[in-house]
């Protein structure tokens, strides 16, 4: 059973435009190196249109093509930091929960909440107890540290409900700030909530995974997903294999999770190709680097089945 622990769906107005224009700035810089001149606004508006998938139809087709049985939907709360979002965050969470109820065999929804909201705990309670959401997604790059005091009441509720938490780690495009999502801030979470499963999304990033490993080696409840690693896998496959091998060697294959960060990387690599790349690790890894089938099976779904309590 293949499980994608890290996906997103967007409808018009579900995120501030600043988010898409920040990605556009990154893309237009790369386009310009290849002689393609487009404004941030043109590319940003194109991203908004291309990402519009409020019923998860594109995601479900993508899952079918890739052989992914289940995807975890992660709403992202940037509304607190960038007011003016067309659809309020409470409604965005409700719509995610509604989709998970509509496709209970294919989709699981986490709650996305900025802990600085005055009603953060009440909204989290509504998401879990009333709407059936199965975890919490935090994105510190909007302006808070994952170990600051406002976060802890949410983590305490997650402990009470015995549900996992996914927290963005590593760098992020403007106008978001990467200083808030560095690995060292996860150390306090491991010390203060040792029984709470906390997944560091992106493993700290391909340039920060070693710092995340330094935390994971002593804080055993800190886990990691490999979403957004598609880029390094495309650009430098041996380095990708070596980095993933490091994660497994020093943290353990039982603590690493497959993720895609869909739809963010569709234009670079399809999910079908991403899944196949992981499946092929035992036979296609470069000389001196070896993966077992048991490790690959754990990463692709076995670990997620266990943490989501899916009959395992």
Foldseek 3Di string as FASTA:
>chain_A
DFEAAAEEADAQLLDDLQQLLLVLVVVQVVVVVVVDHDHSVVRSVVVNVVRHDLLCPVVVVLCVLQVHFAYEYARADLCVLPPDRPDDLLVVLLSLLVSCVVVVRHYAYARHADLVDPCRLVSNCCSCVVSNHAEYEYECQSPAACQDPSNVVVQVVCVVVLGAYEYEAADGTPPTHRVRRAQVSCLVVLVVPLSHQYEHELCNPLVRVVVNLVSCLVRVSYAYENAPVVVCCVVPVQSSLVSVLVCCVRNNLLRYAYHHHPPPCCVPPRSNVVLVVLCCQQPPHDPPGHDDNVSSVNHRPVNVCVNSVVVD
